[in-house]
Amino acid sequence: MTDHVIPSQKCPFCKHPLDRVTGYKTDSAPVPGDFTVCIRCARINTFLDDGSLKTATQEDLNSLDTDMLLQLMEAVAIVRNLNQKIVARN
């Protein structure tokens, strides 16, 4: 897995600072229309043309084929599981 630096910004939902992404089942850098999951709140966001993020809408998610939607849901579950483990340690 390869980390990719993105423009420094905040998650549109929880405002957690974001400055990099790691591909899930890909090493490609993100392009407009790609999705990402916030490492803090596990909210699904999508990249805009200028590299900024917006919270994904139901319409955005409806545009995905079943395999891509399942991969995205799996990524959300992984982030939530990691966050639960972190909370449990504290």
N, C-alpha and C. Protein backbone atom coordinates (compact mmCIF):
# COMPACT_ATOMS: atom_id res chain seq x y z
N MET A 1 0.84 -1.17 0.00
CA MET A 1 0.00 0.00 0.00
C MET A 1 0.89 1.24 0.00
N THR A 2 0.47 2.21 -0.75
CA THR A 2 1.23 3.43 -0.92
C THR A 2 0.44 4.62 -0.39
N ASP A 3 1.10 5.43 0.45
CA ASP A 3 0.48 6.69 0.90
C ASP A 3 0.64 7.73 -0.18
N HIS A 4 -0.39 8.56 -0.34
CA HIS A 4 -0.34 9.68 -1.28
C HIS A 4 -0.66 10.96 -0.52
N VAL A 5 0.19 11.96 -0.69
CA VAL A 5 -0.04 13.26 -0.07
C VAL A 5 -1.14 13.96 -0.85
N ILE A 6 -2.08 14.54 -0.12
CA ILE A 6 -3.17 15.32 -0.72
C ILE A 6 -3.11 16.73 -0.15
N PRO A 7 -3.78 17.68 -0.79
CA PRO A 7 -3.80 19.03 -0.21
C PRO A 7 -4.29 18.98 1.24
N SER A 8 -3.57 19.64 2.13
CA SER A 8 -3.96 19.66 3.54
C SER A 8 -5.35 20.27 3.68
N GLN A 9 -6.22 19.53 4.34
CA GLN A 9 -7.62 19.95 4.50
C GLN A 9 -8.23 19.23 5.69
N LYS A 10 -9.49 19.45 5.91
CA LYS A 10 -10.19 18.78 7.00
C LYS A 10 -11.33 17.95 6.44
N CYS A 11 -11.62 16.86 7.14
CA CYS A 11 -12.77 16.05 6.75
C CYS A 11 -14.00 16.97 6.74
N PRO A 12 -14.77 16.95 5.66
CA PRO A 12 -15.94 17.82 5.60
C PRO A 12 -16.97 17.52 6.69
N PHE A 13 -16.93 16.32 7.27
CA PHE A 13 -17.92 15.95 8.28
C PHE A 13 -17.42 16.23 9.70
N CYS A 14 -16.26 15.67 10.07
CA CYS A 14 -15.80 15.78 11.47
C CYS A 14 -14.70 16.81 11.68
N LYS A 15 -14.17 17.36 10.58
CA LYS A 15 -13.13 18.39 10.61
C LYS A 15 -11.76 17.87 11.06
N HIS A 16 -11.56 16.56 11.04
CA HIS A 16 -10.25 15.99 11.36
C HIS A 16 -9.27 16.36 10.25
N PRO A 17 -8.05 16.82 10.61
CA PRO A 17 -7.07 17.19 9.58
C PRO A 17 -6.67 15.98 8.73
N LEU A 18 -6.64 16.18 7.43
CA LEU A 18 -6.24 15.13 6.50
C LEU A 18 -5.19 15.69 5.55
N ASP A 19 -4.11 14.92 5.34
CA ASP A 19 -3.10 15.36 4.39
C ASP A 19 -2.52 14.20 3.58
N ARG A 20 -3.11 13.03 3.73
CA ARG A 20 -2.67 11.89 2.94
C ARG A 20 -3.76 10.82 2.89
N VAL A 21 -3.66 9.98 1.90
CA VAL A 21 -4.58 8.85 1.77
C VAL A 21 -3.76 7.62 1.41
N THR A 22 -4.30 6.47 1.73
CA THR A 22 -3.71 5.20 1.37
C THR A 22 -4.74 4.44 0.57
N GLY A 23 -4.34 3.95 -0.58
CA GLY A 23 -5.27 3.20 -1.42
C GLY A 23 -5.71 1.91 -0.76
N TYR A 24 -6.94 1.53 -1.02
CA TYR A 24 -7.47 0.26 -0.55
C TYR A 24 -7.61 -0.63 -1.78
N LYS A 25 -6.79 -1.67 -1.82
CA LYS A 25 -6.75 -2.57 -2.97
C LYS A 25 -6.26 -1.87 -4.23
N THR A 26 -5.52 -0.76 -4.06
CA THR A 26 -4.90 -0.05 -5.18
C THR A 26 -3.76 0.81 -4.64
N ASP A 27 -2.79 1.05 -5.49
CA ASP A 27 -1.70 1.97 -5.13
C ASP A 27 -1.80 3.26 -5.92
N SER A 28 -2.87 3.43 -6.68
CA SER A 28 -3.03 4.62 -7.52
C SER A 28 -3.33 5.85 -6.66
N ALA A 29 -2.82 6.98 -7.12
CA ALA A 29 -3.14 8.26 -6.47
C ALA A 29 -4.60 8.60 -6.75
N PRO A 30 -5.26 9.30 -5.82
CA PRO A 30 -6.67 9.62 -6.02
C PRO A 30 -6.87 10.61 -7.16
N VAL A 31 -7.98 10.45 -7.86
CA VAL A 31 -8.38 11.36 -8.94
C VAL A 31 -9.80 11.85 -8.63
N PRO A 32 -10.21 12.95 -9.26
CA PRO A 32 -11.58 13.44 -9.03
C PRO A 32 -12.61 12.32 -9.22
N GLY A 33 -13.54 12.25 -8.28
CA GLY A 33 -14.57 11.23 -8.31
C GLY A 33 -14.24 10.01 -7.48
N ASP A 34 -12.97 9.86 -7.08
CA ASP A 34 -12.60 8.74 -6.20
C ASP A 34 -13.17 8.98 -4.81
N PHE A 35 -13.31 7.91 -4.07
CA PHE A 35 -13.83 7.97 -2.71
C PHE A 35 -12.72 7.71 -1.71
N THR A 36 -12.88 8.24 -0.51
CA THR A 36 -11.97 7.97 0.59
C THR A 36 -12.78 7.92 1.88
N VAL A 37 -12.22 7.28 2.88
CA VAL A 37 -12.88 7.14 4.18
C VAL A 37 -12.05 7.88 5.21
N CYS A 38 -12.67 8.77 5.95
CA CYS A 38 -11.97 9.53 7.00
C CYS A 38 -11.48 8.57 8.08
N ILE A 39 -10.21 8.69 8.43
CA ILE A 39 -9.62 7.81 9.43
C ILE A 39 -10.19 8.06 10.83
N ARG A 40 -10.78 9.22 11.06
CA ARG A 40 -11.34 9.53 12.38
C ARG A 40 -12.80 9.12 12.48
N CYS A 41 -13.65 9.59 11.57
CA CYS A 41 -15.10 9.37 11.72
C CYS A 41 -15.65 8.27 10.80
N ALA A 42 -14.82 7.77 9.89
CA ALA A 42 -15.22 6.72 8.94
C ALA A 42 -16.30 7.17 7.96
N ARG A 43 -16.45 8.48 7.81
CA ARG A 43 -17.40 9.02 6.84
C ARG A 43 -16.81 8.90 5.44
N ILE A 44 -17.64 8.61 4.47
CA ILE A 44 -17.21 8.48 3.09
C ILE A 44 -17.20 9.86 2.44
N ASN A 45 -16.05 10.20 1.86
CA ASN A 45 -15.89 11.46 1.15
C ASN A 45 -15.48 11.17 -0.28
N THR A 46 -15.63 12.16 -1.14
CA THR A 46 -15.22 12.01 -2.53
C THR A 46 -14.35 13.20 -2.93
N PHE A 47 -13.39 12.93 -3.82
CA PHE A 47 -12.49 13.97 -4.30
C PHE A 47 -13.15 14.79 -5.39
N LEU A 48 -12.99 16.11 -5.27
CA LEU A 48 -13.48 17.05 -6.29
C LEU A 48 -12.34 17.35 -7.28
N ASP A 49 -12.65 18.09 -8.32
CA ASP A 49 -11.68 18.41 -9.37
C ASP A 49 -10.43 19.11 -8.84
N ASP A 50 -10.59 19.93 -7.79
CA ASP A 50 -9.44 20.67 -7.25
C ASP A 50 -8.68 19.90 -6.16
N GLY A 51 -9.04 18.63 -5.94
CA GLY A 51 -8.36 17.82 -4.93
C GLY A 51 -8.96 17.93 -3.55
N SER A 52 -9.94 18.81 -3.39
CA SER A 52 -10.60 18.93 -2.09
C SER A 52 -11.62 17.80 -1.94
N LEU A 53 -12.14 17.67 -0.72
CA LEU A 53 -13.08 16.60 -0.42
C LEU A 53 -14.47 17.16 -0.14
N LYS A 54 -15.48 16.38 -0.45
CA LYS A 54 -16.84 16.67 -0.02
C LYS A 54 -17.42 15.36 0.51
N THR A 55 -18.33 15.49 1.47
CA THR A 55 -18.99 14.31 1.98
C THR A 55 -19.81 13.68 0.86
N ALA A 56 -19.63 12.38 0.68
CA ALA A 56 -20.35 11.69 -0.39
C ALA A 56 -21.85 11.71 -0.12
N THR A 57 -22.60 11.94 -1.17
CA THR A 57 -24.07 11.93 -1.07
C THR A 57 -24.59 10.55 -1.43
N GLN A 58 -25.86 10.33 -1.16
CA GLN A 58 -26.48 9.07 -1.55
C GLN A 58 -26.41 8.91 -3.07
N GLU A 59 -26.57 10.00 -3.79
CA GLU A 59 -26.47 9.96 -5.25
C GLU A 59 -25.08 9.51 -5.69
N ASP A 60 -24.02 10.01 -5.01
CA ASP A 60 -22.66 9.58 -5.32
C ASP A 60 -22.52 8.07 -5.12
N LEU A 61 -23.04 7.59 -4.00
CA LEU A 61 -22.92 6.16 -3.69
C LEU A 61 -23.77 5.31 -4.63
N ASN A 62 -24.92 5.82 -5.05
CA ASN A 62 -25.78 5.08 -5.97
C ASN A 62 -25.12 4.89 -7.33
N SER A 63 -24.13 5.75 -7.65
CA SER A 63 -23.47 5.65 -8.95
C SER A 63 -22.46 4.51 -9.00
N LEU A 64 -22.15 3.92 -7.85
CA LEU A 64 -21.13 2.86 -7.79
C LEU A 64 -21.71 1.51 -8.19
N ASP A 65 -20.88 0.69 -8.83
CA ASP A 65 -21.31 -0.68 -9.08
C ASP A 65 -21.21 -1.47 -7.77
N THR A 66 -21.82 -2.61 -7.72
CA THR A 66 -21.91 -3.39 -6.49
C THR A 66 -20.54 -3.73 -5.91
N ASP A 67 -19.60 -4.15 -6.75
CA ASP A 67 -18.27 -4.51 -6.26
C ASP A 67 -17.57 -3.32 -5.60
N MET A 68 -17.65 -2.16 -6.23
CA MET A 68 -17.01 -0.97 -5.67
C MET A 68 -17.68 -0.55 -4.36
N LEU A 69 -19.00 -0.63 -4.30
CA LEU A 69 -19.71 -0.29 -3.08
C LEU A 69 -19.34 -1.23 -1.94
N LEU A 70 -19.21 -2.51 -2.25
CA LEU A 70 -18.80 -3.48 -1.23
C LEU A 70 -17.39 -3.20 -0.73
N GLN A 71 -16.47 -2.84 -1.63
CA GLN A 71 -15.11 -2.50 -1.22
C GLN A 71 -15.11 -1.27 -0.32
N LEU A 72 -15.92 -0.30 -0.65
CA LEU A 72 -16.01 0.91 0.15
C LEU A 72 -16.58 0.61 1.53
N MET A 73 -17.59 -0.23 1.60
CA MET A 73 -18.18 -0.61 2.89
C MET A 73 -17.18 -1.41 3.72
N GLU A 74 -16.37 -2.22 3.06
CA GLU A 74 -15.33 -2.98 3.76
C GLU A 74 -14.30 -2.02 4.35
N ALA A 75 -13.93 -0.99 3.59
CA ALA A 75 -12.97 0.01 4.10
C ALA A 75 -13.55 0.75 5.30
N VAL A 76 -14.83 1.10 5.25
CA VAL A 76 -15.49 1.76 6.39
C VAL A 76 -15.43 0.84 7.61
N ALA A 77 -15.72 -0.43 7.43
CA ALA A 77 -15.70 -1.38 8.55
C ALA A 77 -14.30 -1.50 9.14
N ILE A 78 -13.27 -1.49 8.30
CA ILE A 78 -11.89 -1.57 8.79
C ILE A 78 -11.55 -0.36 9.64
N VAL A 79 -11.90 0.83 9.17
CA VAL A 79 -11.61 2.05 9.92
C VAL A 79 -12.37 2.05 11.24
N ARG A 80 -13.63 1.69 11.22
CA ARG A 80 -14.41 1.65 12.47
C ARG A 80 -13.81 0.65 13.46
N ASN A 81 -13.39 -0.50 12.97
CA ASN A 81 -12.79 -1.51 13.82
C ASN A 81 -11.49 -1.01 14.44
N LEU A 82 -10.66 -0.36 13.64
CA LEU A 82 -9.42 0.21 14.17
C LEU A 82 -9.70 1.26 15.24
N ASN A 83 -10.67 2.11 14.98
CA ASN A 83 -11.02 3.15 15.96
C ASN A 83 -11.55 2.55 17.25
N GLN A 84 -12.32 1.48 17.17
CA GLN A 84 -12.82 0.81 18.38
C GLN A 84 -11.67 0.23 19.18
N LYS A 85 -10.67 -0.33 18.51
CA LYS A 85 -9.51 -0.89 19.21
C LYS A 85 -8.72 0.22 19.91
N ILE A 86 -8.59 1.37 19.25
CA ILE A 86 -7.88 2.50 19.85
C ILE A 86 -8.60 2.98 21.10
N VAL A 87 -9.92 3.12 21.02
CA VAL A 87 -10.71 3.55 22.16
C VAL A 87 -10.60 2.55 23.30
N ALA A 88 -10.63 1.27 22.99
CA ALA A 88 -10.56 0.22 24.01
C ALA A 88 -9.22 0.24 24.76
N ARG A 89 -8.15 0.63 24.08
CA ARG A 89 -6.82 0.69 24.70
C ARG A 89 -6.71 1.85 25.68
N ASN A 90 -7.49 2.89 25.42
CA ASN A 90 -7.41 4.08 26.28
C ASN A 90 -8.35 3.90 27.40
